């Protein structure tokens, strides 16, 4: 019982530090996907107009 709080406190501190890079990478991936989708939609719109 006494050994369980020590790893949990360490894991929470590590988790807090690891949450930010995961959020940043997630936001970057979402931004890239949105940009790709908008570019593809615009590209298809221009090709359909021609």
N, C-alpha and C. Protein backbone atom coordinates (compact mmCIF):
# COMPACT_ATOMS: atom_id res chain seq x y z
N UNK A 1 0.83 -1.20 0.00
CA UNK A 1 0.00 0.00 0.00
C UNK A 1 0.87 1.26 0.00
N UNK A 2 1.97 1.22 0.75
CA UNK A 2 2.81 2.42 0.86
C UNK A 2 3.60 2.65 -0.42
N UNK A 3 3.87 1.59 -1.18
CA UNK A 3 4.68 1.75 -2.39
C UNK A 3 3.83 2.23 -3.56
N UNK A 4 2.51 2.05 -3.52
CA UNK A 4 1.66 2.45 -4.64
C UNK A 4 1.57 3.97 -4.83
N UNK A 5 1.48 4.81 -3.77
CA UNK A 5 1.36 6.25 -4.01
C UNK A 5 2.60 6.85 -4.65
N UNK A 6 3.78 6.28 -4.35
CA UNK A 6 5.01 6.86 -4.91
C UNK A 6 5.04 6.76 -6.44
N UNK A 7 4.81 5.57 -7.04
CA UNK A 7 4.80 5.52 -8.51
C UNK A 7 3.65 6.31 -9.13
N UNK A 8 2.50 6.37 -8.44
CA UNK A 8 1.38 7.13 -9.00
C UNK A 8 1.72 8.61 -9.05
N UNK A 9 2.37 9.14 -7.99
CA UNK A 9 2.73 10.56 -7.99
C UNK A 9 3.75 10.83 -9.09
N UNK A 10 4.68 9.90 -9.27
CA UNK A 10 5.67 10.07 -10.34
C UNK A 10 5.00 9.97 -11.71
N UNK A 11 4.09 9.01 -11.84
CA UNK A 11 3.41 8.84 -13.13
C UNK A 11 2.53 10.05 -13.45
N UNK A 12 1.91 10.64 -12.42
CA UNK A 12 1.07 11.81 -12.68
C UNK A 12 1.93 12.98 -13.11
N UNK A 13 3.11 13.14 -12.48
CA UNK A 13 4.00 14.24 -12.88
C UNK A 13 4.48 14.01 -14.31
N UNK A 14 4.79 12.75 -14.63
CA UNK A 14 5.21 12.45 -16.00
C UNK A 14 4.04 12.61 -16.96
N UNK A 15 2.85 12.21 -16.53
CA UNK A 15 1.67 12.33 -17.39
C UNK A 15 1.39 13.79 -17.70
N UNK A 16 1.50 14.66 -16.69
CA UNK A 16 1.25 16.08 -16.92
C UNK A 16 2.24 16.64 -17.93
N UNK A 17 3.49 16.19 -17.85
CA UNK A 17 4.49 16.67 -18.80
C UNK A 17 4.24 16.09 -20.19
N UNK A 18 3.77 14.83 -20.25
CA UNK A 18 3.56 14.19 -21.54
C UNK A 18 2.24 14.60 -22.19
N UNK A 19 1.33 15.21 -21.41
CA UNK A 19 0.04 15.62 -21.98
C UNK A 19 0.26 16.74 -23.00
N UNK A 20 1.15 17.69 -22.70
CA UNK A 20 1.33 18.84 -23.59
C UNK A 20 1.86 18.44 -24.97
N UNK A 21 2.92 17.62 -25.07
CA UNK A 21 3.37 17.22 -26.42
C UNK A 21 2.30 16.44 -27.18
N UNK A 22 1.53 15.61 -26.46
CA UNK A 22 0.46 14.87 -27.14
C UNK A 22 -0.60 15.83 -27.66
N UNK A 23 -0.97 16.84 -26.87
CA UNK A 23 -1.97 17.80 -27.32
C UNK A 23 -1.44 18.60 -28.51
N UNK A 24 -0.17 18.99 -28.43
CA UNK A 24 0.43 19.78 -29.52
C UNK A 24 0.47 18.94 -30.80
N UNK A 25 0.90 17.69 -30.70
CA UNK A 25 0.96 16.85 -31.89
C UNK A 25 -0.45 16.58 -32.41
N UNK A 26 -1.41 16.40 -31.51
CA UNK A 26 -2.80 16.20 -31.95
C UNK A 26 -3.34 17.41 -32.67
N UNK A 27 -3.06 18.59 -32.14
CA UNK A 27 -3.52 19.82 -32.80
C UNK A 27 -2.84 19.99 -34.14
N UNK A 28 -1.55 19.68 -34.22
CA UNK A 28 -0.83 19.79 -35.49
C UNK A 28 -1.41 18.82 -36.51
N UNK A 29 -1.68 17.60 -36.09
CA UNK A 29 -2.26 16.60 -37.01
C UNK A 29 -3.63 17.06 -37.48
N UNK A 30 -4.45 17.57 -36.56
CA UNK A 30 -5.78 18.04 -36.95
C UNK A 30 -5.68 19.22 -37.91
N UNK A 31 -4.77 20.14 -37.64
CA UNK A 31 -4.58 21.30 -38.53
C UNK A 31 -4.13 20.86 -39.91
N UNK A 32 -3.20 19.91 -39.97
CA UNK A 32 -2.72 19.42 -41.27
C UNK A 32 -3.85 18.73 -42.02
N UNK A 33 -4.65 17.93 -41.31
CA UNK A 33 -5.76 17.24 -41.96
C UNK A 33 -6.78 18.24 -42.50
N UNK A 34 -7.07 19.28 -41.72
CA UNK A 34 -8.03 20.31 -42.18
C UNK A 34 -7.47 21.02 -43.41
N UNK A 35 -6.18 21.36 -43.38
CA UNK A 35 -5.58 22.03 -44.53
C UNK A 35 -5.63 21.12 -45.76
N UNK A 36 -5.30 19.85 -45.59
CA UNK A 36 -5.33 18.93 -46.72
C UNK A 36 -6.75 18.79 -47.27
N UNK A 37 -7.74 18.68 -46.38
CA UNK A 37 -9.12 18.55 -46.84
C UNK A 37 -9.57 19.80 -47.59
N UNK A 38 -9.21 20.98 -47.08
CA UNK A 38 -9.61 22.21 -47.76
C UNK A 38 -8.92 22.33 -49.11
N UNK A 39 -7.64 21.95 -49.17
CA UNK A 39 -6.91 22.02 -50.44
C UNK A 39 -7.52 21.05 -51.45
N UNK A 40 -7.84 19.83 -50.99
CA UNK A 40 -8.44 18.84 -51.89
C UNK A 40 -9.81 19.32 -52.36
N UNK A 41 -10.61 19.87 -51.46
CA UNK A 41 -11.94 20.36 -51.84
C UNK A 41 -11.82 21.49 -52.86
N UNK A 42 -10.90 22.43 -52.62
CA UNK A 42 -10.71 23.54 -53.56
C UNK A 42 -10.17 23.04 -54.89
N UNK A 43 -9.25 22.07 -54.84
CA UNK A 43 -8.67 21.51 -56.06
C UNK A 43 -9.74 20.80 -56.88
N UNK A 44 -10.60 20.03 -56.21
CA UNK A 44 -11.68 19.34 -56.92
C UNK A 44 -12.68 20.36 -57.47
N UNK A 45 -12.93 21.44 -56.74
CA UNK A 45 -13.87 22.46 -57.21
C UNK A 45 -13.33 23.13 -58.47
N UNK A 46 -12.03 23.42 -58.48
CA UNK A 46 -11.44 24.06 -59.67
C UNK A 46 -11.44 23.10 -60.85
N UNK A 47 -11.17 21.81 -60.60
CA UNK A 47 -11.17 20.84 -61.69
C UNK A 47 -12.59 20.61 -62.21
N UNK A 48 -13.57 20.63 -61.32
CA UNK A 48 -14.95 20.42 -61.76
C UNK A 48 -15.43 21.63 -62.57
N UNK A 49 -14.94 22.83 -62.22
CA UNK A 49 -15.33 24.03 -62.95
C UNK A 49 -14.76 23.98 -64.37
N UNK A 50 -13.56 23.43 -64.51
CA UNK A 50 -12.96 23.30 -65.85
C UNK A 50 -13.62 22.14 -66.58
